Amino acid sequence: MVAEIELVYETEHLKIYPYHQQDFKDLSSLLSNPLINNALGMPEFSSNFSKVKNFLNQIYRQKNNNYRWLLYSIYQKNDNRLIGGCGFKVDLIDNIAEIFFMLYPEEWGKGFMTEALYPLLNIIHHSFSLKEVQALIFQDNIRAKRVVEKLGFTYCQTAAYNERLKRNIPVQKWILKLK
């Protein structure tokens, strides 16, 4: 049986909700920000709103026996404003997951992403009995590296070819081993 996670979680500063259609406008704005989509390797999102919409709809409706997408919206607690998103692509066969995350640039450096991801990693680990979580990070994305280091990930290797993007762009693989 595959766990269904309808998580609503609150931390000291944040509320984390499963992505719902009402978040589409804010997350589309976030994904179309050039600083964000370049860090995620999706520069085409900055000029093509329909690609953003198709991507979010695909994740939102994804049903597959081999993997599960989990996408979360991150709101600041004090003003209920969407400040970012994060998610996991969980491989249900090998019990591993890939993590991704993004914040509006004005929220960078405040510790919000670590605050949001730590409880999610714990809950998702136990819900799916994961062996490990992977993060694929572009070499120059120092902020993302700091986030995964704070969460306990360790650097594994750098690959010259990015399989997901089908391009020659060096990407670092970071791994969080779970028990």
Protein backbone atom coordinates (compact mmCIF):
# COMPACT_ATOMS: atom_id res chain seq x y z
CA MET A 1 0.00 0.00 0.00
CA VAL A 2 1.29 3.46 -0.94
CA ALA A 3 0.99 6.19 1.65
CA GLU A 4 -1.24 9.14 0.77
CA ILE A 5 0.09 12.23 2.45
CA GLU A 6 -2.28 15.14 3.02
CA LEU A 7 0.06 17.01 5.27
CA VAL A 8 -0.70 20.37 6.77
CA TYR A 9 2.24 21.28 8.93
CA GLU A 10 3.15 24.37 10.90
CA THR A 11 6.56 25.42 12.11
CA GLU A 12 7.56 28.48 14.09
CA HIS A 13 7.33 30.78 11.04
CA LEU A 14 5.65 28.71 8.32
CA LYS A 15 2.58 26.79 7.22
CA ILE A 16 3.19 23.98 4.73
CA TYR A 17 0.27 22.64 2.70
CA PRO A 18 -0.06 20.12 -0.09
CA TYR A 19 -0.21 21.98 -3.40
CA HIS A 20 -3.76 22.75 -4.54
CA GLN A 21 -5.05 24.53 -7.61
CA GLN A 22 -5.61 27.77 -5.67
CA ASP A 23 -1.80 28.02 -5.33
CA PHE A 24 -1.31 27.91 -9.09
CA LYS A 25 -1.03 31.66 -9.66
CA ASP A 26 1.57 32.17 -6.91
CA LEU A 27 3.64 29.11 -7.81
CA SER A 28 3.50 30.04 -11.49
CA SER A 29 4.86 33.45 -10.60
CA LEU A 30 7.60 31.80 -8.56
CA LEU A 31 8.52 29.33 -11.32
CA SER A 32 8.57 32.05 -13.97
CA ASN A 33 11.06 34.14 -11.94
CA PRO A 34 14.36 33.94 -13.88
CA LEU A 35 16.43 33.49 -10.70
CA ILE A 36 14.28 30.52 -9.69
CA ASN A 37 13.81 28.73 -12.97
CA ASN A 38 17.50 29.00 -13.85
CA ALA A 39 18.42 27.47 -10.47
CA LEU A 40 15.98 24.63 -11.16
CA GLY A 41 17.19 24.22 -14.73
CA MET A 42 13.93 25.31 -16.30
CA PRO A 43 14.69 28.60 -18.08
CA GLU A 44 11.90 27.95 -20.56
CA PHE A 45 9.40 28.66 -17.77
CA SER A 46 10.34 32.35 -17.74
CA SER A 47 8.82 32.91 -21.17
CA ASN A 48 6.19 30.19 -21.49
CA PHE A 49 3.30 30.35 -19.03
CA SER A 50 1.58 27.33 -20.62
CA LYS A 51 4.65 25.15 -19.83
CA VAL A 52 4.41 26.17 -16.17
CA LYS A 53 0.70 25.39 -16.16
CA ASN A 54 1.21 22.01 -17.82
CA PHE A 55 4.04 21.13 -15.40
CA LEU A 56 2.02 21.99 -12.29
CA ASN A 57 -1.08 20.22 -13.62
CA GLN A 58 0.97 17.13 -14.45
CA ILE A 59 2.38 16.98 -10.93
CA TYR A 60 -0.98 17.73 -9.34
CA ARG A 61 -2.76 14.94 -11.23
CA GLN A 62 0.13 12.46 -11.36
CA LYS A 63 -0.87 8.89 -10.58
CA ASN A 64 1.77 6.27 -11.23
CA ASN A 65 2.47 2.90 -9.64
CA ASN A 66 6.26 3.40 -9.82
CA TYR A 67 6.62 6.90 -8.41
CA ARG A 68 4.69 9.68 -6.71
CA TRP A 69 5.12 13.44 -6.95
CA LEU A 70 4.52 15.32 -3.72
CA LEU A 71 4.36 19.11 -4.07
CA TYR A 72 3.95 21.51 -1.16
CA SER A 73 3.20 25.21 -0.88
CA ILE A 74 5.04 27.17 1.80
CA TYR A 75 3.27 30.11 3.43
CA GLN A 76 4.64 32.60 5.91
CA LYS A 77 2.60 32.26 9.09
CA ASN A 78 2.45 35.94 10.09
CA ASP A 79 0.79 37.18 6.87
CA ASN A 80 -0.39 33.95 5.18
CA ARG A 81 1.62 34.82 2.04
CA LEU A 82 2.96 32.11 -0.25
CA ILE A 83 6.76 32.40 -0.20
CA GLY A 84 7.82 29.18 -1.88
CA GLY A 85 7.33 25.56 -2.66
CA CYS A 86 9.06 22.25 -2.31
CA GLY A 87 8.47 18.69 -3.24
CA PHE A 88 9.62 15.16 -3.73
CA LYS A 89 9.56 12.67 -6.54
CA VAL A 90 9.32 9.40 -4.64
CA ASP A 91 10.50 6.23 -6.40
CA LEU A 92 8.16 3.60 -4.97
CA ILE A 93 10.20 0.70 -6.37
CA ASP A 94 13.64 1.62 -4.98
CA ASN A 95 12.36 3.58 -1.94
CA ILE A 96 14.36 6.70 -2.73
CA ALA A 97 13.22 10.25 -3.42
CA GLU A 98 14.50 13.33 -5.19
CA ILE A 99 13.89 16.62 -3.41
CA PHE A 100 13.43 20.05 -4.98
CA PHE A 101 12.70 23.41 -3.42
CA MET A 102 12.30 27.10 -4.24
CA LEU A 103 11.68 30.40 -2.47
CA TYR A 104 11.05 33.89 -3.70
CA PRO A 105 14.45 35.66 -3.74
CA GLU A 106 13.39 38.18 -1.09
CA GLU A 107 13.01 35.23 1.34
CA TRP A 108 16.49 33.78 0.71
CA GLY A 109 18.91 33.59 3.61
CA LYS A 110 16.25 33.60 6.34
CA GLY A 111 16.34 29.86 7.12
CA PHE A 112 12.79 29.25 5.89
CA MET A 113 13.63 26.40 3.52
CA THR A 114 15.47 24.39 6.15
CA GLU A 115 12.60 25.06 8.55
CA ALA A 116 10.07 23.79 6.00
CA LEU A 117 12.01 20.77 4.75
CA TYR A 118 13.19 19.23 8.00
CA PRO A 119 9.74 18.07 9.19
CA LEU A 120 8.69 17.10 5.66
CA LEU A 121 11.76 14.89 5.23
CA ASN A 122 11.00 13.13 8.49
CA ILE A 123 7.34 12.52 7.71
CA ILE A 124 7.96 11.41 4.12
CA HIS A 125 10.82 9.12 5.20
CA HIS A 126 8.52 7.30 7.59
CA SER A 127 5.50 7.29 5.27
CA PHE A 128 7.41 5.65 2.41
CA SER A 129 10.20 3.83 4.33
CA LEU A 130 12.77 5.64 2.20
CA LYS A 131 16.39 4.51 2.09
CA GLU A 132 17.68 7.85 0.83
CA VAL A 133 16.75 11.24 -0.53
CA GLN A 134 18.73 12.81 -3.37
CA ALA A 135 19.18 16.46 -4.29
CA LEU A 136 20.49 17.45 -7.73
CA ILE A 137 22.01 20.92 -7.53
CA PHE A 138 23.78 23.05 -10.12
CA GLN A 139 27.39 23.71 -9.13
CA ASP A 140 26.93 27.46 -8.69
CA ASN A 141 23.78 27.22 -6.53
CA ILE A 142 25.52 27.87 -3.21
CA ARG A 143 22.29 28.59 -1.33
CA ALA A 144 20.77 25.21 -2.25
CA LYS A 145 23.98 23.46 -1.18
CA ARG A 146 23.79 25.21 2.20
CA VAL A 147 20.20 24.05 2.66
CA VAL A 148 20.95 20.39 1.96
CA GLU A 149 24.11 20.48 4.10
CA LYS A 150 22.07 21.82 7.03
CA LEU A 151 19.58 18.98 6.50
CA GLY A 152 22.36 16.36 6.70
CA PHE A 153 22.92 15.61 3.01
CA THR A 154 26.44 14.77 1.86
CA TYR A 155 28.01 15.48 -1.50
CA CYS A 156 28.26 12.35 -3.67
CA GLN A 157 29.43 13.29 -7.18
CA THR A 158 29.25 15.77 -10.03
CA ALA A 159 27.87 14.63 -13.35
CA ALA A 160 28.66 16.55 -16.53
CA TYR A 161 25.45 15.39 -18.19
CA ASN A 162 22.13 16.24 -16.61
CA GLU A 163 19.81 13.31 -17.38
CA ARG A 164 16.65 15.19 -16.36
CA LEU A 165 17.39 18.16 -18.62
CA LYS A 166 19.07 16.11 -21.37
CA ARG A 167 21.88 18.69 -21.49
CA ASN A 168 25.57 18.95 -20.67
CA ILE A 169 25.28 21.00 -17.51
CA PRO A 170 27.32 19.94 -14.47
CA VAL A 171 25.04 18.94 -11.61
CA GLN A 172 26.06 17.86 -8.15
CA LYS A 173 24.34 14.92 -6.53
CA TRP A 174 23.82 15.17 -2.77
CA ILE A 175 22.45 12.27 -0.73
CA LEU A 176 20.72 11.97 2.63
CA LYS A 177 20.99 8.36 3.84
CA LEU A 178 18.04 7.27 5.91
CA LYS A 179 17.74 4.29 8.23
